[in-house]
Amino acid sequence: MTKGREKRQNPYKGWKIQQDKKPPFRWRAYHRKTGEKIDCTVFEVYSLAFNMEVHRINEQHKAIEAKPGTLGMLIKLYRASAFTSGDLASRTIADYEKCFEYLRPIEGTPLSRFNSPLIVKMRDKARASRKDHFANYLVRVVSLLFAWGKERGHVSDNPAAGIRAIRKKKGAPAANRPWTDAERDAVQAAMPRHMLLPFTLMMFYGLDPQDALALPKTAIRDGRIDTRRGKTGQEVFLPLFEPVKAAMEAAGPHDAITLCANSRGKPWTYNGFSTNWHKLKTDLEAKGVIQPGLTLKGLRHTVATILREMGKDYGTIQLVLGHATEAMARHYSKRADMTKQTSAAVTDFEAELNKRKTKVVKPAL
C-alpha cells in the first residue's frame, strides 16, 4: 500500500468510498445508483456530519415510497418536517434514526393497527435484543412521532402515551455513576497520548463523549472553549485552564479539523474511541486499579457531583454542562445532594440521641 494512504473498510451499503492513490490522497464518495457525490472537504469521511449526509442522500433516493396510512409514511413525513426545521440537534436526529432504523421491518404496518398493547409488545421485543435503555427510548420516540402526527391530523390517537418505562432491576448498579478521585487519576495516568486530550475534555469540562471528539479547532479562541452541546444545542463557554492546556500541548500538531485526533492524525469516530476505551478499562479492571461500572458518560455526572459538593447552584451546573433544563442539573448532581443530606441527617440524629441519654444515678450505699 502506498505510504500515506489510509485503507478502511467501507461500512456504507450502496456507496463507493475511496482515497486517491497519489498525494494529496483526497477522499471521494458517491452514491452508486445515482452517482451523486459528497464533497469530502466539507463532510469529512466517517465523521458524524458525513454519516448524516449519506443518510440524507439515501432517503432522497429511496426506490420504494412509503405507503400512505402506514408507519413508514408517518416517519417519512416527520423526517421531512422535523429533521429539516433546524430545531433538532444532529445528535438528536442520529438517536431518532437509530429507532426508525429498528422500526424499518414494520414500516408497512397500517397506523390503525397501533394501540397500547402493540407498543408494549414492541418495547418488550426491543428489550430482549437491545436492553432496557433502548427499549424505553424507543417508546419515547414512538410517542413523540405519534404526538406529532396527531397534531397534524395524520393519526387520531397516540397509542404510546402513558406507556410506563421499564423499571431498573433491584440491585442493578447505577448507570453512569460518578467516578472516584482515585479512578480518575488512575485512568488519566494510563491514557495513551492520542486518547488523553478527549478524555481530559470529558473529565474536566463534563463534555459529552461525542461533543469532545467532534470539537473543532475553531472552538478554541480568546482563551476559552466556545461551543454548543450537540444534544441540546445549548451554548457552552468554558475557560481554558492548566490541565486542559497541558493535554492540548501533549497531543501535538495534526491536520484534522477537530481538536482531538487519533494515532493517525485523523478525527476520532465515537466507535473508534469507545473501542480503545473499552480495552483500556478492561485492563485496568483486571489489575484492580478501578472498579467495574465506569463509563465515559459518567464523567458528566462526576463533574456535576463535584460542582454540587463545592456548593454550586443548579443554574451554574446547568450552564457548565449545557443542560436544557435545571431539572437535568439536579439529576446529574443528585448523588452529591444525597450524600450531603444524609450526612447532615445522621449527624443531627446522633446529636438528638446524645440529648436523650439519661444520666446514670449511682445507688446510695
Protein backbone atom coordinates (compact mmCIF):
# COMPACT_ATOMS: atom_id res chain seq x y z
CA MET A 1 0.00 0.00 0.00
CA THR A 2 1.30 3.43 -0.89
CA LYS A 3 2.63 5.29 2.12
CA GLY A 4 0.27 8.00 3.27
CA ARG A 5 -2.95 6.33 2.20
CA GLU A 6 -5.46 5.10 4.74
CA LYS A 7 -7.18 1.81 3.98
CA ARG A 8 -10.55 1.39 5.70
CA GLN A 9 -13.46 -0.97 5.29
CA ASN A 10 -16.49 0.70 3.71
CA PRO A 11 -19.48 0.39 6.09
CA TYR A 12 -21.90 2.22 3.77
CA LYS A 13 -24.04 -0.06 1.61
CA GLY A 14 -24.60 1.32 -1.88
CA TRP A 15 -21.72 3.80 -1.69
CA LYS A 16 -18.28 3.93 -3.29
CA ILE A 17 -15.78 5.50 -0.90
CA GLN A 18 -12.12 5.59 -1.80
CA GLN A 19 -8.95 7.59 -1.34
CA ASP A 20 -6.70 8.72 -4.20
CA LYS A 21 -3.58 6.62 -4.69
CA LYS A 22 -1.36 9.66 -5.13
CA PRO A 23 -0.78 12.68 -2.89
CA PRO A 24 -2.58 14.60 -1.53
CA PHE A 25 -4.66 11.40 -1.10
CA ARG A 26 -8.08 13.06 -1.40
CA TRP A 27 -11.17 11.14 -0.37
CA ARG A 28 -14.03 10.64 -2.83
CA ALA A 29 -17.53 9.34 -2.10
CA TYR A 30 -20.51 8.82 -4.40
CA HIS A 31 -23.88 7.06 -4.39
CA ARG A 32 -23.50 4.05 -6.71
CA LYS A 33 -27.05 4.06 -8.05
CA THR A 34 -27.40 7.76 -8.81
CA GLY A 35 -23.79 8.94 -9.00
CA GLU A 36 -24.48 11.77 -6.53
CA LYS A 37 -21.24 12.85 -4.86
CA ILE A 38 -20.37 14.09 -1.39
CA ASP A 39 -17.81 16.87 -1.04
CA CYS A 40 -15.33 15.22 1.33
CA THR A 41 -13.61 18.53 2.01
CA VAL A 42 -16.85 19.72 3.62
CA PHE A 43 -18.06 16.41 5.10
CA GLU A 44 -15.01 14.61 6.44
CA VAL A 45 -15.19 10.89 5.69
CA TYR A 46 -16.60 8.74 8.52
CA SER A 47 -17.44 11.77 10.67
CA LEU A 48 -20.92 12.31 12.13
CA ALA A 49 -21.60 15.04 9.56
CA PHE A 50 -20.60 12.60 6.78
CA ASN A 51 -22.93 9.93 8.21
CA MET A 52 -25.82 12.39 8.21
CA GLU A 53 -25.13 13.44 4.60
CA VAL A 54 -25.05 9.80 3.49
CA HIS A 55 -28.37 9.22 5.22
CA ARG A 56 -29.90 12.35 3.68
CA ILE A 57 -28.99 11.22 0.17
CA ASN A 58 -30.12 7.65 0.83
CA GLU A 59 -33.53 8.90 1.94
CA GLN A 60 -33.77 11.20 -1.05
CA HIS A 61 -33.18 8.37 -3.49
CA LYS A 62 -35.21 5.56 -1.95
CA ALA A 63 -36.64 3.44 -4.73
CA ILE A 64 -39.79 2.42 -2.86
CA GLU A 65 -42.05 5.12 -1.48
CA ALA A 66 -43.69 4.59 1.86
CA LYS A 67 -47.31 3.52 1.56
CA PRO A 68 -49.98 6.04 2.64
CA GLY A 69 -51.52 5.39 6.05
CA THR A 70 -48.57 3.33 7.31
CA LEU A 71 -45.93 3.80 9.97
CA GLY A 72 -43.37 4.28 7.21
CA MET A 73 -45.32 7.20 5.77
CA LEU A 74 -45.62 8.85 9.20
CA ILE A 75 -41.87 8.51 9.75
CA LYS A 76 -41.21 9.92 6.29
CA LEU A 77 -43.45 12.94 6.92
CA TYR A 78 -41.83 13.53 10.29
CA ARG A 79 -38.33 13.37 8.80
CA ALA A 80 -39.26 15.84 6.07
CA SER A 81 -40.58 18.30 8.65
CA ALA A 82 -38.65 17.96 11.92
CA PHE A 83 -35.27 16.94 10.51
CA THR A 84 -35.09 19.93 8.18
CA SER A 85 -36.50 22.58 10.52
CA GLY A 86 -33.21 23.21 12.29
CA ASP A 87 -34.88 22.71 15.68
CA LEU A 88 -33.21 19.36 16.37
CA ALA A 89 -29.51 18.91 17.08
CA SER A 90 -27.62 16.50 14.81
CA ARG A 91 -27.01 14.19 17.78
CA THR A 92 -30.76 14.04 18.50
CA ILE A 93 -31.51 13.28 14.84
CA ALA A 94 -28.95 10.48 14.89
CA ASP A 95 -30.54 9.00 18.04
CA TYR A 96 -34.02 9.15 16.48
CA GLU A 97 -32.69 7.48 13.34
CA LYS A 98 -31.50 4.50 15.36
CA CYS A 99 -35.09 3.97 16.46
CA PHE A 100 -36.51 4.49 12.97
CA GLU A 101 -33.98 2.02 11.58
CA TYR A 102 -35.08 -0.51 14.20
CA LEU A 103 -38.71 0.01 13.11
CA ARG A 104 -37.92 -0.45 9.40
CA PRO A 105 -39.20 -4.09 9.26
CA ILE A 106 -42.70 -2.93 10.35
CA GLU A 107 -42.89 0.30 8.31
CA GLY A 108 -45.68 -1.21 6.21
CA THR A 109 -47.97 -1.66 9.24
CA PRO A 110 -51.18 0.44 8.95
CA LEU A 111 -51.38 3.22 11.53
CA SER A 112 -54.83 1.99 12.51
CA ARG A 113 -53.32 -1.19 13.95
CA PHE A 114 -51.21 0.58 16.54
CA ASN A 115 -52.58 0.51 20.08
CA SER A 116 -51.08 0.44 23.58
CA PRO A 117 -50.72 -3.38 23.77
CA LEU A 118 -48.83 -3.37 20.46
CA ILE A 119 -46.49 -0.62 21.69
CA VAL A 120 -45.80 -2.63 24.84
CA LYS A 121 -45.06 -5.68 22.70
CA MET A 122 -42.65 -3.61 20.60
CA ARG A 123 -41.00 -2.32 23.77
CA ASP A 124 -40.55 -5.80 25.25
CA LYS A 125 -39.13 -7.16 21.99
CA ALA A 126 -36.63 -4.30 21.85
CA ARG A 127 -35.72 -5.00 25.46
CA ALA A 128 -34.84 -8.61 24.63
CA SER A 129 -32.46 -7.62 21.85
CA ARG A 130 -31.26 -4.10 22.76
CA LYS A 131 -31.68 -3.93 26.56
CA ASP A 132 -33.76 -1.66 28.79
CA HIS A 133 -32.39 1.77 27.84
CA PHE A 134 -33.04 1.36 24.12
CA ALA A 135 -36.49 -0.14 24.76
CA ASN A 136 -37.53 2.83 26.89
CA TYR A 137 -36.06 5.31 24.42
CA LEU A 138 -37.90 3.60 21.56
CA VAL A 139 -41.22 4.15 23.33
CA ARG A 140 -40.40 7.84 23.88
CA VAL A 141 -39.55 8.31 20.20
CA VAL A 142 -42.68 6.48 19.03
CA SER A 143 -44.78 8.61 21.40
CA LEU A 144 -43.16 11.76 20.03
CA LEU A 145 -43.80 10.55 16.47
CA PHE A 146 -47.50 9.85 17.04
CA ALA A 147 -47.98 13.08 19.02
CA TRP A 148 -46.53 14.97 16.06
CA GLY A 149 -48.85 13.07 13.69
CA LYS A 150 -51.91 13.68 15.87
CA GLU A 151 -51.34 17.44 15.88
CA ARG A 152 -51.28 17.41 12.09
CA GLY A 153 -54.22 15.09 11.52
CA HIS A 154 -52.26 12.05 10.34
CA VAL A 155 -53.45 9.92 13.27
CA SER A 156 -56.36 10.21 15.68
CA ASP A 157 -54.61 8.98 18.81
CA ASN A 158 -51.18 8.50 20.40
CA PRO A 159 -51.03 4.81 21.40
CA ALA A 160 -47.64 5.26 23.09
CA ALA A 161 -48.86 7.93 25.51
CA GLY A 162 -48.83 6.76 29.10
CA ILE A 163 -46.79 3.60 28.46
CA ARG A 164 -44.67 3.02 31.54
CA ALA A 165 -40.91 2.79 31.24
CA ILE A 166 -39.18 -0.44 32.18
CA ARG A 167 -38.02 -0.05 35.75
CA LYS A 168 -34.44 -0.70 36.72
CA LYS A 169 -33.97 -4.06 38.41
CA LYS A 170 -33.44 -4.03 42.14
CA GLY A 171 -29.77 -4.22 42.98
CA ALA A 172 -28.72 -3.19 39.49
CA PRO A 173 -25.73 -0.82 39.53
CA ALA A 174 -26.44 2.84 38.86
CA ALA A 175 -25.92 3.78 35.23
CA ASN A 176 -23.12 6.27 34.55
CA ARG A 177 -22.11 6.53 38.18
CA PRO A 178 -19.68 9.29 39.19
CA TRP A 179 -16.00 8.33 39.19
CA THR A 180 -13.92 8.42 42.35
CA ASP A 181 -10.88 10.69 42.51
CA ALA A 182 -8.61 7.63 42.54
CA GLU A 183 -10.27 6.22 39.42
CA ARG A 184 -9.92 9.49 37.53
CA ASP A 185 -6.23 9.72 38.44
CA ALA A 186 -5.56 6.08 37.54
CA VAL A 187 -7.25 6.27 34.13
CA GLN A 188 -5.63 9.59 33.29
CA ALA A 189 -2.17 8.15 34.12
CA ALA A 190 -2.79 5.11 31.90
CA MET A 191 -4.18 7.01 28.90
CA PRO A 192 -2.05 6.89 25.75
CA ARG A 193 -1.18 10.31 24.34
CA HIS A 194 -3.69 10.25 21.48
CA MET A 195 -6.56 9.48 23.91
CA LEU A 196 -5.55 11.90 26.66
CA LEU A 197 -6.98 15.15 25.23
CA PRO A 198 -10.57 13.93 24.59
CA PHE A 199 -10.54 12.22 27.98
CA THR A 200 -9.35 15.45 29.63
CA LEU A 201 -12.15 17.44 27.97
CA MET A 202 -14.68 14.95 29.33
CA MET A 203 -13.13 14.78 32.79
CA PHE A 204 -12.62 18.49 33.46
CA TYR A 205 -15.47 20.02 31.45
CA GLY A 206 -18.07 17.25 31.51
CA LEU A 207 -18.40 17.30 27.73
CA ASP A 208 -20.39 14.51 26.13
CA PRO A 209 -18.02 11.97 24.51
CA GLN A 210 -19.41 12.80 21.06
CA ASP A 211 -19.06 16.54 21.69
CA ALA A 212 -15.48 16.21 22.92
CA LEU A 213 -14.43 14.11 19.92
CA ALA A 214 -16.17 16.39 17.39
CA LEU A 215 -14.99 19.69 18.94
CA PRO A 216 -13.46 21.74 16.08
CA LYS A 217 -10.17 23.57 16.46
CA THR A 218 -12.04 26.80 15.78
CA ALA A 219 -13.90 26.38 19.09
CA ILE A 220 -10.70 27.42 20.90
CA ARG A 221 -10.43 31.19 20.90
CA ASP A 222 -9.76 34.04 23.31
CA GLY A 223 -8.51 31.63 25.96
CA ARG A 224 -11.71 29.60 26.16
CA ILE A 225 -13.82 26.92 24.52
CA ASP A 226 -16.81 28.40 22.73
CA THR A 227 -19.15 25.64 21.58
CA ARG A 228 -22.64 24.14 21.77
CA ARG A 229 -23.78 20.88 23.24
CA GLY A 230 -24.71 18.55 20.38
CA LYS A 231 -27.76 17.04 22.05
CA THR A 232 -29.47 20.21 23.28
CA GLY A 233 -27.87 22.95 21.16
CA GLN A 234 -27.17 24.90 24.37
CA GLU A 235 -24.21 27.27 24.22
CA VAL A 236 -21.26 26.37 26.45
CA PHE A 237 -18.44 28.78 27.34
CA LEU A 238 -15.55 27.23 29.23
CA PRO A 239 -12.25 28.92 30.14
CA LEU A 240 -9.07 27.02 29.33
CA PHE A 241 -7.09 26.08 32.42
CA GLU A 242 -3.83 24.28 33.06
CA PRO A 243 -4.77 20.56 32.85
CA VAL A 244 -6.55 21.14 29.53
CA LYS A 245 -3.74 23.30 28.14
CA ALA A 246 -1.21 20.63 29.09
CA ALA A 247 -3.26 17.92 27.36
CA MET A 248 -3.52 20.08 24.22
CA GLU A 249 0.26 20.55 24.14
CA ALA A 250 0.87 16.84 24.74
CA ALA A 251 -1.43 15.92 21.84
CA GLY A 252 0.93 17.59 19.39
CA PRO A 253 0.15 19.05 15.95
CA HIS A 254 -2.10 17.32 13.41
CA ASP A 255 -4.06 18.18 10.26
CA ALA A 256 -7.53 17.12 11.45
CA ILE A 257 -10.18 19.85 11.62
CA THR A 258 -11.11 18.59 15.09
CA LEU A 259 -9.16 19.49 18.21
CA CYS A 260 -8.71 15.80 19.05
CA ALA A 261 -7.15 13.31 16.67
CA ASN A 262 -6.43 9.59 16.75
CA SER A 263 -2.99 7.99 16.43
CA ARG A 264 -3.10 8.54 12.65
CA GLY A 265 -3.80 12.24 12.99
CA LYS A 266 -7.41 11.80 11.81
CA PRO A 267 -10.63 12.85 13.57
CA TRP A 268 -11.84 10.33 16.11
CA THR A 269 -15.05 8.44 15.48
CA TYR A 270 -17.11 7.62 18.55
CA ASN A 271 -16.88 3.89 17.84
CA GLY A 272 -13.11 4.13 17.43
CA PHE A 273 -12.57 5.92 20.72
CA SER A 274 -15.11 3.71 22.50
CA THR A 275 -13.30 0.56 21.35
CA ASN A 276 -9.95 1.85 22.61
CA TRP A 277 -11.52 2.95 25.90
CA HIS A 278 -13.10 -0.47 26.44
CA LYS A 279 -9.72 -2.19 26.03
CA LEU A 280 -8.06 0.19 28.48
CA LYS A 281 -10.89 -0.09 31.01
CA THR A 282 -10.89 -3.90 30.86
CA ASP A 283 -7.13 -3.96 31.51
CA LEU A 284 -7.37 -1.58 34.49
CA GLU A 285 -10.30 -3.53 35.97
CA ALA A 286 -8.29 -6.77 35.71
CA LYS A 287 -5.44 -5.09 37.60
CA GLY A 288 -7.85 -3.91 40.29
CA VAL A 289 -6.98 -0.27 39.70
CA ILE A 290 -10.60 0.74 39.00
CA GLN A 291 -13.96 -0.73 39.94
CA PRO A 292 -16.49 -2.03 37.37
CA GLY A 293 -19.13 0.34 36.06
CA LEU A 294 -17.05 3.24 34.75
CA THR A 295 -18.50 4.91 31.65
CA LEU A 296 -17.38 7.96 29.69
CA LYS A 297 -20.85 9.43 30.23
CA GLY A 298 -20.23 9.03 33.95
CA LEU A 299 -17.67 11.83 33.77
CA ARG A 300 -20.55 14.30 33.22
CA HIS A 301 -22.12 13.04 36.44
CA THR A 302 -18.70 13.33 38.11
CA VAL A 303 -18.33 16.99 37.17
CA ALA A 304 -21.89 17.76 38.29
CA THR A 305 -21.36 15.94 41.59
CA ILE A 306 -18.11 17.76 42.37
CA LEU A 307 -19.62 21.14 41.50
CA ARG A 308 -22.58 20.47 43.77
CA GLU A 309 -20.30 19.33 46.59
CA MET A 310 -18.50 22.66 46.18
CA GLY A 311 -21.81 24.40 46.81
CA LYS A 312 -22.54 25.50 43.24
CA ASP A 313 -26.24 26.02 42.47
CA TYR A 314 -28.19 24.07 39.87
CA GLY A 315 -28.28 27.01 37.46
CA THR A 316 -24.49 27.13 37.38
CA ILE A 317 -24.23 23.37 36.85
CA GLN A 318 -26.78 23.69 34.03
CA LEU A 319 -24.60 26.30 32.29
CA VAL A 320 -21.39 24.29 32.67
CA LEU A 321 -22.86 21.04 31.35
CA GLY A 322 -25.09 22.62 28.70
CA HIS A 323 -28.31 21.15 30.04
CA ALA A 324 -31.57 22.42 28.58
CA THR A 325 -33.27 22.45 31.97
CA GLU A 326 -32.29 22.91 35.61
CA ALA A 327 -34.04 19.60 36.35
CA MET A 328 -31.33 17.75 34.44
CA ALA A 329 -28.67 19.53 36.52
CA ARG A 330 -30.45 18.25 39.62
CA HIS A 331 -30.49 14.73 38.18
CA TYR A 332 -26.79 14.72 37.35
CA SER A 333 -25.77 16.03 40.77
CA LYS A 334 -28.27 14.06 42.88
CA ARG A 335 -25.59 11.82 44.40
CA ALA A 336 -23.87 14.85 45.92
CA ASP A 337 -27.18 16.08 47.33
CA MET A 338 -27.98 12.64 48.75
CA THR A 339 -24.58 12.41 50.45
CA LYS A 340 -24.84 15.91 51.85
CA GLN A 341 -28.39 15.47 53.13
CA THR A 342 -27.88 12.01 54.62
CA SER A 343 -24.64 13.06 56.33
CA ALA A 344 -26.39 16.07 57.86
CA ALA A 345 -29.39 13.96 58.91
CA VAL A 346 -27.25 11.27 60.56
CA THR A 347 -25.19 13.91 62.37
CA ASP A 348 -28.37 15.57 63.67
CA PHE A 349 -29.76 12.16 64.64
CA GLU A 350 -26.63 11.35 66.63
CA ALA A 351 -26.86 14.70 68.42
CA GLU A 352 -30.50 14.05 69.27
CA LEU A 353 -29.68 10.62 70.70
CA ASN A 354 -26.98 12.17 72.86
CA LYS A 355 -29.55 14.62 74.23
CA ARG A 356 -31.89 11.77 75.12
CA LYS A 357 -29.33 9.83 77.08
CA THR A 358 -30.34 9.55 80.73
CA LYS A 359 -27.82 10.16 83.42
CA VAL A 360 -26.86 7.08 85.40
CA VAL A 361 -27.58 7.62 89.08
CA LYS A 362 -25.36 5.62 91.41
CA PRO A 363 -27.28 3.78 94.13
CA ALA A 364 -26.78 5.02 97.68
CA LEU A 365 -24.55 2.82 99.81
